[in-house]
């Protein structure tokens, strides 16, 4: 993992990390079987480097064959291993929330914004997928609202980190005056009551960075390999 690109805003209170190309592909995406095997290997190696086991981890399972992109789930210890351990499945959720220490939340990405939201007062953690579909449905704001409604958090106490994502030059959001995903997510977080001082952004464009997968650039001209990096977060 690239040390300088890791989340800093949480100051070690939680486990929070982002992988990069050298750590490998973190999601099965209709690829040859030998690459699928490597996904399992690479996930396990990434988690092991963070002191986390596969059996502690829950996958944020993202699909695009639906109309509702605001599906959230409160994770409990019974969910551990779902979507990550071989032979296990988990429902489709755009964000996972937990208040259980030792439960790791795992979100594969390749252009979309991945947000880690943490309330140090309530000890509540969320990982949220914020791509174009989610953003058009106010996904960042609704993520905060879910935490507020289901964990009684105060948005002003939230600390938020936003992952590397596609910038507006190669991936503008036409529904938002060609702004970047990250710009619109920031607007939605602030509208939800999150303090600007409590938001850290990675400021890395996945479409131009050599360190991260970019699905849009893969589709455009195969200038990048097909794959996903991942963000991981866990309460200690």
Protein backbone atom coordinates (compact mmCIF):
# COMPACT_ATOMS: atom_id res chain seq x y z
CA UNK A 1 0.00 0.00 0.00
CA UNK A 2 1.14 3.54 -0.69
CA UNK A 3 1.82 5.02 2.74
CA UNK A 4 1.29 8.65 1.76
CA UNK A 5 -2.16 7.86 0.33
CA UNK A 6 -3.57 6.19 3.44
CA UNK A 7 -6.33 7.89 5.49
CA UNK A 8 -4.89 10.18 8.15
CA UNK A 9 -7.96 11.92 9.54
CA UNK A 10 -8.81 9.04 11.89
CA UNK A 11 -5.41 9.31 13.61
CA UNK A 12 -5.18 5.59 14.25
CA UNK A 13 -8.50 5.35 16.11
CA UNK A 14 -9.73 2.79 13.58
CA UNK A 15 -8.17 0.54 10.97
CA UNK A 16 -8.56 2.35 7.63
CA UNK A 17 -6.68 1.58 4.44
CA UNK A 18 -6.74 1.77 0.65
CA UNK A 19 -4.97 -0.71 -1.62
CA UNK A 20 -3.25 0.10 -4.91
CA UNK A 21 -2.25 -1.76 -8.08
CA UNK A 22 0.68 -3.70 -6.54
CA UNK A 23 -1.69 -5.34 -4.03
CA UNK A 24 -3.66 -6.84 -6.91
CA UNK A 25 -7.27 -7.09 -8.04
CA UNK A 26 -9.87 -7.05 -5.27
CA UNK A 27 -13.03 -8.11 -7.12
CA UNK A 28 -14.17 -10.88 -9.45
CA UNK A 29 -15.32 -9.17 -12.65
CA UNK A 30 -16.02 -11.79 -15.32
CA UNK A 31 -12.35 -12.57 -15.59
CA UNK A 32 -10.52 -15.84 -16.35
CA UNK A 33 -10.49 -18.39 -13.57
CA UNK A 34 -6.79 -17.98 -12.84
CA UNK A 35 -7.38 -14.28 -12.15
CA UNK A 36 -10.37 -15.10 -9.96
CA UNK A 37 -8.12 -17.31 -7.87
CA UNK A 38 -5.73 -14.39 -7.54
CA UNK A 39 -8.58 -12.20 -6.27
CA UNK A 40 -9.03 -14.50 -3.27
CA UNK A 41 -5.28 -14.59 -2.71
CA UNK A 42 -4.87 -10.82 -3.03
CA UNK A 43 -7.79 -10.05 -0.73
CA UNK A 44 -6.42 -12.38 1.92
CA UNK A 45 -2.93 -10.88 1.65
CA UNK A 46 -4.25 -7.31 1.89
CA UNK A 47 -6.35 -8.09 4.94
CA UNK A 48 -3.53 -10.04 6.58
CA UNK A 49 -1.24 -7.02 6.21
CA UNK A 50 -3.80 -5.09 8.27
CA UNK A 51 -4.10 -7.80 10.91
CA UNK A 52 -7.55 -8.83 9.67
CA UNK A 53 -8.84 -12.29 8.77
CA UNK A 54 -11.21 -13.17 5.95
CA UNK A 55 -13.62 -14.50 8.56
CA UNK A 56 -13.80 -11.04 10.15
CA UNK A 57 -14.65 -9.26 6.92
CA UNK A 58 -17.89 -8.29 5.17
CA UNK A 59 -18.04 -7.38 1.47
CA UNK A 60 -19.96 -4.36 0.22
CA UNK A 61 -21.57 -6.05 -2.78
CA UNK A 62 -22.26 -3.51 -5.54
CA UNK A 63 -24.36 -4.09 -8.68
CA UNK A 64 -25.80 -1.83 -11.38
CA UNK A 65 -28.90 -3.76 -12.47
CA UNK A 66 -31.38 -1.84 -10.32
CA UNK A 67 -33.09 1.52 -9.77
CA UNK A 68 -32.45 1.98 -6.04
CA UNK A 69 -28.87 2.94 -5.17
CA UNK A 70 -29.46 3.75 -1.53
CA UNK A 71 -29.42 0.32 0.06
CA UNK A 72 -27.78 0.30 3.48
CA UNK A 73 -27.15 -2.42 6.03
CA UNK A 74 -26.13 -2.51 9.67
CA UNK A 75 -23.57 -5.28 10.00
CA UNK A 76 -23.36 -7.58 13.02
CA UNK A 77 -20.93 -10.37 13.93
CA UNK A 78 -23.15 -12.95 12.18
CA UNK A 79 -22.34 -11.23 8.87
CA UNK A 80 -18.60 -11.75 9.19
CA UNK A 81 -17.13 -13.59 6.23
CA UNK A 82 -20.11 -12.92 3.96
CA UNK A 83 -19.13 -12.20 0.38
CA UNK A 84 -15.45 -12.72 1.21
CA UNK A 85 -15.11 -16.34 2.26
CA UNK A 86 -15.40 -18.83 -0.61
CA UNK A 87 -18.94 -20.09 -1.08
CA UNK A 88 -20.59 -17.25 0.83
CA UNK A 89 -22.95 -14.59 -0.48
CA UNK A 90 -24.31 -11.29 0.77
CA UNK A 91 -27.18 -9.11 -0.38
CA UNK A 92 -26.49 -6.04 -2.50
CA UNK A 93 -25.78 -3.00 -0.33
CA UNK A 94 -24.36 0.42 -1.22
CA UNK A 95 -23.09 1.01 2.30
CA UNK A 96 -22.31 -1.05 5.38
CA UNK A 97 -22.40 0.28 8.94
CA UNK A 98 -21.21 -1.31 12.17
CA UNK A 99 -20.64 -0.53 15.82
CA UNK A 100 -18.93 -3.89 16.44
CA UNK A 101 -15.15 -3.85 16.99
CA UNK A 102 -13.28 -6.41 14.93
CA UNK A 103 -15.77 -6.42 12.05
CA UNK A 104 -14.03 -5.27 8.87
CA UNK A 105 -15.89 -3.57 6.01
CA UNK A 106 -14.47 -4.17 2.52
CA UNK A 107 -15.37 -2.13 -0.57
CA UNK A 108 -13.84 -2.71 -4.05
CA UNK A 109 -13.55 0.38 -6.27
CA UNK A 110 -12.36 1.53 -9.69
CA UNK A 111 -13.35 5.20 -10.32
CA UNK A 112 -16.25 5.66 -7.88
CA UNK A 113 -15.78 7.45 -4.57
CA UNK A 114 -15.44 5.22 -1.54
CA UNK A 115 -16.21 6.98 1.74
CA UNK A 116 -15.20 5.94 5.23
CA UNK A 117 -17.39 7.68 7.82
CA UNK A 118 -16.60 7.41 11.52
CA UNK A 119 -18.18 8.90 14.62
CA UNK A 120 -15.55 8.79 17.40
CA UNK A 121 -18.17 9.68 20.01
CA UNK A 122 -20.63 6.89 19.23
CA UNK A 123 -17.94 4.51 17.89
CA UNK A 124 -19.91 3.89 14.71
CA UNK A 125 -18.33 3.19 11.34
CA UNK A 126 -19.64 3.16 7.77
CA UNK A 127 -18.15 2.38 4.38
CA UNK A 128 -20.21 3.83 1.53
CA UNK A 129 -20.00 3.38 -2.25
CA UNK A 130 -20.63 6.69 -4.02
CA UNK A 131 -20.62 6.33 -7.78
CA UNK A 132 -22.62 8.31 -10.32
CA UNK A 133 -25.82 6.35 -9.68
CA UNK A 134 -25.58 6.81 -5.90
CA UNK A 135 -24.63 10.47 -6.17
CA UNK A 136 -27.60 11.23 -8.43
CA UNK A 137 -29.77 9.79 -5.63
CA UNK A 138 -28.07 11.92 -2.95
CA UNK A 139 -26.07 8.95 -1.71
CA UNK A 140 -23.61 10.84 0.47
CA UNK A 141 -26.35 12.76 2.25
CA UNK A 142 -28.44 9.62 2.68
CA UNK A 143 -25.47 7.71 4.08
CA UNK A 144 -25.18 10.30 6.85
CA UNK A 145 -28.94 10.23 7.38
CA UNK A 146 -28.83 6.44 7.77
CA UNK A 147 -26.16 6.76 10.44
CA UNK A 148 -28.19 9.45 12.17
CA UNK A 149 -31.45 7.49 12.06
CA UNK A 150 -29.97 4.10 12.98
CA UNK A 151 -27.06 4.96 15.28
CA UNK A 152 -28.09 8.35 16.67
CA UNK A 153 -24.89 10.02 15.46
CA UNK A 154 -24.37 13.78 15.27
CA UNK A 155 -23.18 14.65 11.73
CA UNK A 156 -20.99 17.37 13.19
CA UNK A 157 -18.96 14.68 14.98
CA UNK A 158 -18.34 12.61 11.86
CA UNK A 159 -14.87 12.22 10.41
CA UNK A 160 -14.91 11.33 6.71
CA UNK A 161 -12.28 10.15 4.25
CA UNK A 162 -12.87 10.04 0.49
CA UNK A 163 -10.92 7.62 -1.68
CA UNK A 164 -9.12 8.14 -4.99
CA UNK A 165 -11.75 8.49 -7.73
CA UNK A 166 -12.25 9.58 -11.33
CA UNK A 167 -11.82 13.32 -11.87
CA UNK A 168 -14.04 15.63 -13.89
CA UNK A 169 -11.70 15.83 -16.88
CA UNK A 170 -12.35 12.22 -17.87
CA UNK A 171 -15.50 11.50 -15.84
CA UNK A 172 -17.67 14.62 -15.47
CA UNK A 173 -21.11 14.32 -13.89
CA UNK A 174 -23.43 15.80 -16.51
CA UNK A 175 -26.32 15.98 -14.04
CA UNK A 176 -24.22 18.27 -11.82
CA UNK A 177 -22.81 20.84 -14.27
CA UNK A 178 -19.86 18.59 -15.15
CA UNK A 179 -18.50 18.59 -11.62
CA UNK A 180 -16.41 15.69 -10.37
CA UNK A 181 -17.88 12.93 -8.25
CA UNK A 182 -15.78 14.07 -5.33
CA UNK A 183 -16.96 17.68 -5.64
CA UNK A 184 -20.61 16.64 -5.50
CA UNK A 185 -20.01 14.20 -2.65
CA UNK A 186 -18.42 17.02 -0.67
CA UNK A 187 -21.47 19.21 -1.29
CA UNK A 188 -23.81 16.45 -0.13
CA UNK A 189 -21.78 15.72 3.00
CA UNK A 190 -21.80 19.38 3.98
CA UNK A 191 -25.54 19.56 3.30
CA UNK A 192 -25.92 16.62 5.70
CA UNK A 193 -24.16 18.58 8.44
CA UNK A 194 -20.61 17.24 8.19
CA UNK A 195 -18.00 19.87 8.99
CA UNK A 196 -15.61 20.73 6.17
CA UNK A 197 -12.76 20.50 8.68
CA UNK A 198 -13.67 16.86 9.33
CA UNK A 199 -13.40 15.71 5.70
CA UNK A 200 -10.18 14.40 4.15
CA UNK A 201 -9.99 13.80 0.40
CA UNK A 202 -7.43 11.62 -1.35
CA UNK A 203 -7.16 14.09 -4.28
CA UNK A 204 -6.03 11.35 -6.64
CA UNK A 205 -7.62 10.94 -10.08
CA UNK A 206 -7.90 7.23 -10.84
CA UNK A 207 -8.17 7.90 -14.58
CA UNK A 208 -4.69 9.41 -14.71
CA UNK A 209 -2.89 7.88 -11.73
CA UNK A 210 -0.66 4.90 -12.43
CA UNK A 211 -1.31 3.55 -8.94
CA UNK A 212 -5.01 2.64 -9.15
CA UNK A 213 -7.41 0.73 -11.37
CA UNK A 214 -9.78 2.79 -13.54
CA UNK A 215 -12.74 1.00 -15.10
CA UNK A 216 -13.60 3.91 -17.39
CA UNK A 217 -10.10 4.02 -18.84
CA UNK A 218 -10.08 0.25 -19.28
CA UNK A 219 -13.31 0.48 -21.27
CA UNK A 220 -12.12 3.51 -23.22
CA UNK A 221 -8.87 2.22 -24.65
CA UNK A 222 -7.48 -0.57 -22.47
CA UNK A 223 -4.87 1.88 -21.20
CA UNK A 224 -5.36 0.40 -17.74
CA UNK A 225 -5.80 -3.20 -16.57
CA UNK A 226 -9.27 -4.40 -15.66
CA UNK A 227 -9.60 -4.70 -11.91
CA UNK A 228 -10.54 -3.09 -8.62
CA UNK A 229 -8.61 -1.71 -5.67
CA UNK A 230 -10.30 -1.67 -2.26
CA UNK A 231 -10.85 0.32 0.89
CA UNK A 232 -11.03 -1.43 4.25
CA UNK A 233 -12.21 -0.08 7.59
CA UNK A 234 -12.65 -1.67 11.03
CA UNK A 235 -13.33 -0.53 14.56
CA UNK A 236 -10.58 -1.56 16.96
